[in-house]
Amino acid sequence: MKGFVYILHCSDDSYYTGSTIDLDKRINEHQDGRGANHTKKRLPVKLLYVEEYLSITSAFEREKQIQGWSRAKKEALMNEEFGVLPQLSECKNETNFKYFKEVI
């Protein structure tokens, strides 16, 4: 069963990332306040981005990946700026990087 991962823009300027097997139904649920707690408190929402997968499992895995991303990285994805995605994944905290190197 195919699945979708999507990103919504909420009224408070936050993003919500979700996955579903029925995109139209799920977006309507969000818009009607029957979606996630995050979106029902931040209506209206606007669909900004969608990816389609062959399975809902793959879509759910991608949802979890994107949820861990920074706002800047999500915006680069939505703007199809794929070349900057690796740069937005780099560790910017030198202290954490030094600790990581010592542990290895």
N, C-alpha and C. Protein backbone atom coordinates (compact mmCIF):
# COMPACT_ATOMS: atom_id res chain seq x y z
N MET A 1 0.85 -1.18 0.00
CA MET A 1 0.00 0.00 0.00
C MET A 1 0.89 1.24 0.00
N LYS A 2 0.67 2.14 -0.94
CA LYS A 2 1.54 3.30 -1.02
C LYS A 2 1.27 4.26 0.13
N GLY A 3 2.25 5.13 0.36
CA GLY A 3 2.16 6.10 1.44
C GLY A 3 2.72 7.43 1.00
N PHE A 4 2.41 8.42 1.79
CA PHE A 4 2.85 9.78 1.51
C PHE A 4 3.47 10.38 2.77
N VAL A 5 4.49 11.17 2.60
CA VAL A 5 5.01 12.01 3.67
C VAL A 5 4.75 13.44 3.22
N TYR A 6 4.36 14.29 4.17
CA TYR A 6 3.97 15.64 3.81
C TYR A 6 4.44 16.62 4.86
N ILE A 7 4.57 17.87 4.45
CA ILE A 7 4.92 18.95 5.36
C ILE A 7 3.84 20.03 5.24
N LEU A 8 3.31 20.42 6.40
CA LEU A 8 2.30 21.47 6.47
C LEU A 8 2.91 22.72 7.08
N HIS A 9 2.42 23.87 6.63
CA HIS A 9 2.76 25.15 7.26
C HIS A 9 1.58 25.52 8.15
N CYS A 10 1.86 25.77 9.42
CA CYS A 10 0.80 26.09 10.38
C CYS A 10 0.71 27.60 10.58
N SER A 11 -0.41 28.03 11.16
CA SER A 11 -0.69 29.45 11.31
C SER A 11 0.32 30.18 12.19
N ASP A 12 1.04 29.46 13.05
CA ASP A 12 2.05 30.10 13.89
C ASP A 12 3.44 30.07 13.24
N ASP A 13 3.49 29.74 11.95
CA ASP A 13 4.71 29.69 11.14
C ASP A 13 5.57 28.46 11.44
N SER A 14 5.02 27.49 12.14
CA SER A 14 5.75 26.23 12.37
C SER A 14 5.44 25.27 11.23
N TYR A 15 6.24 24.20 11.16
CA TYR A 15 6.01 23.14 10.19
C TYR A 15 5.58 21.88 10.93
N TYR A 16 4.73 21.12 10.27
CA TYR A 16 4.32 19.82 10.78
C TYR A 16 4.61 18.79 9.69
N THR A 17 5.29 17.72 10.05
CA THR A 17 5.60 16.65 9.11
C THR A 17 4.82 15.40 9.52
N GLY A 18 4.13 14.79 8.56
CA GLY A 18 3.35 13.61 8.84
C GLY A 18 3.41 12.62 7.68
N SER A 19 2.78 11.46 7.89
CA SER A 19 2.68 10.46 6.83
C SER A 19 1.29 9.86 6.86
N THR A 20 0.86 9.33 5.71
CA THR A 20 -0.49 8.81 5.60
C THR A 20 -0.61 7.93 4.36
N ILE A 21 -1.69 7.14 4.31
CA ILE A 21 -1.99 6.38 3.10
C ILE A 21 -3.00 7.11 2.22
N ASP A 22 -3.70 8.09 2.79
CA ASP A 22 -4.72 8.86 2.06
C ASP A 22 -4.48 10.34 2.29
N LEU A 23 -3.74 10.95 1.39
CA LEU A 23 -3.29 12.33 1.57
C LEU A 23 -4.46 13.31 1.68
N ASP A 24 -5.40 13.24 0.74
CA ASP A 24 -6.52 14.19 0.76
C ASP A 24 -7.32 14.09 2.06
N LYS A 25 -7.60 12.88 2.48
CA LYS A 25 -8.36 12.67 3.71
C LYS A 25 -7.60 13.23 4.91
N ARG A 26 -6.31 12.96 4.97
CA ARG A 26 -5.52 13.40 6.13
C ARG A 26 -5.40 14.92 6.18
N ILE A 27 -5.22 15.56 5.04
CA ILE A 27 -5.12 17.02 5.03
C ILE A 27 -6.45 17.62 5.49
N ASN A 28 -7.55 17.06 5.02
CA ASN A 28 -8.87 17.53 5.47
C ASN A 28 -9.04 17.35 6.97
N GLU A 29 -8.55 16.23 7.51
CA GLU A 29 -8.63 16.01 8.95
C GLU A 29 -7.85 17.08 9.71
N HIS A 30 -6.66 17.39 9.23
CA HIS A 30 -5.88 18.46 9.86
C HIS A 30 -6.64 19.77 9.79
N GLN A 31 -7.14 20.10 8.62
CA GLN A 31 -7.83 21.39 8.42
C GLN A 31 -9.09 21.51 9.28
N ASP A 32 -9.74 20.37 9.54
CA ASP A 32 -10.96 20.36 10.35
C ASP A 32 -10.69 20.26 11.84
N GLY A 33 -9.42 20.25 12.24
CA GLY A 33 -9.08 20.15 13.65
C GLY A 33 -9.10 18.74 14.19
N ARG A 34 -9.15 17.75 13.30
CA ARG A 34 -9.17 16.35 13.70
C ARG A 34 -7.82 15.67 13.46
N GLY A 35 -6.81 16.47 13.17
CA GLY A 35 -5.48 15.92 12.92
C GLY A 35 -4.68 15.84 14.20
N ALA A 36 -3.41 16.05 14.11
CA ALA A 36 -2.51 15.99 15.26
C ALA A 36 -2.76 17.15 16.22
N ASN A 37 -2.38 16.95 17.47
CA ASN A 37 -2.52 18.03 18.46
C ASN A 37 -1.79 19.29 18.01
N HIS A 38 -0.64 19.11 17.40
CA HIS A 38 0.14 20.27 16.95
C HIS A 38 -0.66 21.12 15.96
N THR A 39 -1.28 20.49 14.99
CA THR A 39 -1.99 21.26 13.97
C THR A 39 -3.33 21.78 14.44
N LYS A 40 -4.03 21.06 15.28
CA LYS A 40 -5.37 21.52 15.70
C LYS A 40 -5.29 22.81 16.50
N LYS A 41 -4.14 23.08 17.09
CA LYS A 41 -3.94 24.33 17.85
C LYS A 41 -3.38 25.44 16.96
N ARG A 42 -3.12 25.14 15.69
CA ARG A 42 -2.43 26.10 14.82
C ARG A 42 -3.10 26.19 13.45
N LEU A 43 -4.40 26.21 13.44
CA LEU A 43 -5.16 26.29 12.18
C LEU A 43 -5.23 27.72 11.69
N PRO A 44 -5.36 27.90 10.39
CA PRO A 44 -5.39 26.88 9.35
C PRO A 44 -3.99 26.40 9.00
N VAL A 45 -3.94 25.27 8.30
CA VAL A 45 -2.67 24.72 7.82
C VAL A 45 -2.68 24.74 6.29
N LYS A 46 -1.48 24.73 5.73
CA LYS A 46 -1.34 24.74 4.27
C LYS A 46 -0.33 23.66 3.88
N LEU A 47 -0.72 22.83 2.92
CA LEU A 47 0.17 21.79 2.42
C LEU A 47 1.28 22.44 1.58
N LEU A 48 2.54 22.17 1.97
CA LEU A 48 3.68 22.74 1.26
C LEU A 48 4.47 21.72 0.46
N TYR A 49 4.47 20.47 0.92
CA TYR A 49 5.40 19.51 0.32
C TYR A 49 4.86 18.10 0.48
N VAL A 50 5.07 17.26 -0.56
CA VAL A 50 4.63 15.86 -0.54
C VAL A 50 5.67 14.99 -1.24
N GLU A 51 5.92 13.81 -0.66
CA GLU A 51 6.68 12.76 -1.32
C GLU A 51 5.82 11.51 -1.31
N GLU A 52 5.85 10.74 -2.39
CA GLU A 52 5.07 9.51 -2.48
C GLU A 52 6.02 8.30 -2.41
N TYR A 53 5.60 7.27 -1.68
CA TYR A 53 6.39 6.05 -1.50
C TYR A 53 5.56 4.83 -1.85
N LEU A 54 6.25 3.75 -2.13
CA LEU A 54 5.56 2.50 -2.48
C LEU A 54 4.89 1.86 -1.27
N SER A 55 5.34 2.21 -0.08
CA SER A 55 4.73 1.64 1.13
C SER A 55 4.60 2.71 2.21
N ILE A 56 3.60 2.52 3.08
CA ILE A 56 3.43 3.44 4.20
C ILE A 56 4.60 3.32 5.16
N THR A 57 5.20 2.14 5.23
CA THR A 57 6.37 1.95 6.11
C THR A 57 7.51 2.86 5.68
N SER A 58 7.77 2.93 4.37
CA SER A 58 8.83 3.81 3.87
C SER A 58 8.49 5.27 4.12
N ALA A 59 7.24 5.63 3.92
CA ALA A 59 6.81 7.01 4.17
C ALA A 59 6.98 7.37 5.64
N PHE A 60 6.62 6.45 6.53
CA PHE A 60 6.75 6.69 7.96
C PHE A 60 8.21 6.86 8.36
N GLU A 61 9.10 6.04 7.80
CA GLU A 61 10.53 6.17 8.08
C GLU A 61 11.06 7.53 7.61
N ARG A 62 10.61 7.96 6.45
CA ARG A 62 11.03 9.27 5.93
C ARG A 62 10.47 10.39 6.80
N GLU A 63 9.22 10.24 7.26
CA GLU A 63 8.63 11.24 8.16
C GLU A 63 9.52 11.43 9.38
N LYS A 64 9.94 10.34 10.01
CA LYS A 64 10.77 10.42 11.20
C LYS A 64 12.12 11.06 10.90
N GLN A 65 12.65 10.79 9.71
CA GLN A 65 13.92 11.41 9.32
C GLN A 65 13.75 12.93 9.21
N ILE A 66 12.73 13.35 8.48
CA ILE A 66 12.51 14.79 8.27
C ILE A 66 12.18 15.50 9.58
N GLN A 67 11.45 14.84 10.46
CA GLN A 67 11.10 15.47 11.74
C GLN A 67 12.34 15.84 12.54
N GLY A 68 13.42 15.12 12.34
CA GLY A 68 14.65 15.42 13.06
C GLY A 68 15.48 16.53 12.44
N TRP A 69 15.04 17.04 11.33
CA TRP A 69 15.80 18.07 10.62
C TRP A 69 15.51 19.46 11.16
N SER A 70 16.45 20.35 10.93
CA SER A 70 16.27 21.76 11.28
C SER A 70 15.26 22.40 10.32
N ARG A 71 14.78 23.54 10.72
CA ARG A 71 13.87 24.30 9.87
C ARG A 71 14.54 24.63 8.52
N ALA A 72 15.80 25.04 8.59
CA ALA A 72 16.53 25.41 7.37
C ALA A 72 16.64 24.22 6.41
N LYS A 73 16.88 23.05 6.96
CA LYS A 73 17.01 21.87 6.11
C LYS A 73 15.66 21.49 5.50
N LYS A 74 14.59 21.60 6.27
CA LYS A 74 13.25 21.34 5.72
C LYS A 74 12.92 22.32 4.60
N GLU A 75 13.28 23.58 4.79
CA GLU A 75 13.01 24.58 3.76
C GLU A 75 13.83 24.31 2.51
N ALA A 76 15.07 23.88 2.67
CA ALA A 76 15.89 23.53 1.50
C ALA A 76 15.25 22.37 0.74
N LEU A 77 14.75 21.38 1.44
CA LEU A 77 14.07 20.25 0.80
C LEU A 77 12.86 20.74 0.02
N MET A 78 12.03 21.54 0.66
CA MET A 78 10.81 22.03 0.01
C MET A 78 11.11 22.91 -1.20
N ASN A 79 12.24 23.61 -1.15
CA ASN A 79 12.65 24.47 -2.26
C ASN A 79 13.50 23.74 -3.29
N GLU A 80 13.61 22.43 -3.13
CA GLU A 80 14.38 21.58 -4.04
C GLU A 80 15.83 22.02 -4.15
N GLU A 81 16.39 22.49 -3.05
CA GLU A 81 17.80 22.87 -2.99
C GLU A 81 18.59 21.69 -2.44
N PHE A 82 18.60 20.60 -3.20
CA PHE A 82 19.16 19.34 -2.73
C PHE A 82 20.66 19.42 -2.48
N GLY A 83 21.35 20.28 -3.19
CA GLY A 83 22.80 20.41 -3.04
C GLY A 83 23.23 20.91 -1.67
N VAL A 84 22.38 21.66 -0.98
CA VAL A 84 22.76 22.20 0.33
C VAL A 84 22.35 21.29 1.49
N LEU A 85 21.59 20.24 1.21
CA LEU A 85 21.14 19.36 2.30
C LEU A 85 22.30 18.76 3.09
N PRO A 86 23.37 18.27 2.45
CA PRO A 86 24.49 17.73 3.24
C PRO A 86 25.14 18.78 4.14
N GLN A 87 25.27 20.01 3.65
CA GLN A 87 25.87 21.08 4.46
C GLN A 87 25.01 21.38 5.68
N LEU A 88 23.71 21.28 5.53
CA LEU A 88 22.81 21.57 6.64
C LEU A 88 22.78 20.43 7.65
N SER A 89 23.45 19.33 7.34
CA SER A 89 23.53 18.19 8.25
C SER A 89 24.80 18.20 9.08
N GLU A 90 25.73 19.05 8.72
CA GLU A 90 27.01 19.06 9.41
C GLU A 90 26.87 19.56 10.83
N CYS A 91 27.68 19.01 11.71
CA CYS A 91 27.71 19.43 13.11
C CYS A 91 28.31 20.83 13.20
N LYS A 92 27.57 21.75 13.77
CA LYS A 92 28.05 23.13 13.91
C LYS A 92 28.64 23.39 15.29
N ASN A 93 28.49 22.45 16.20
CA ASN A 93 28.93 22.63 17.57
C ASN A 93 30.30 21.98 17.74
N GLU A 94 31.33 22.79 17.79
CA GLU A 94 32.70 22.28 17.88
C GLU A 94 32.92 21.46 19.14
N THR A 95 32.27 21.83 20.24
CA THR A 95 32.42 21.10 21.49
C THR A 95 31.92 19.66 21.33
N ASN A 96 30.75 19.49 20.75
CA ASN A 96 30.22 18.15 20.53
C ASN A 96 31.10 17.36 19.58
N PHE A 97 31.64 18.02 18.58
CA PHE A 97 32.50 17.34 17.61
C PHE A 97 33.76 16.84 18.29
N LYS A 98 34.38 17.67 19.15
CA LYS A 98 35.59 17.25 19.86
C LYS A 98 35.29 16.06 20.76
N TYR A 99 34.17 16.08 21.45
CA TYR A 99 33.78 14.97 22.33
C TYR A 99 33.59 13.70 21.51
N PHE A 100 32.92 13.84 20.38
CA PHE A 100 32.68 12.68 19.52
C PHE A 100 34.00 12.07 19.06
N LYS A 101 34.96 12.90 18.69
CA LYS A 101 36.25 12.41 18.23
C LYS A 101 36.97 11.68 19.36
N GLU A 102 36.88 12.18 20.60
CA GLU A 102 37.54 11.54 21.73
C GLU A 102 36.93 10.19 22.05
N VAL A 103 35.62 10.07 21.89
CA VAL A 103 34.93 8.81 22.18
C VAL A 103 35.33 7.74 21.19
N ILE A 104 35.53 8.11 19.94
CA ILE A 104 35.91 7.16 18.91
C ILE A 104 37.33 6.74 19.16
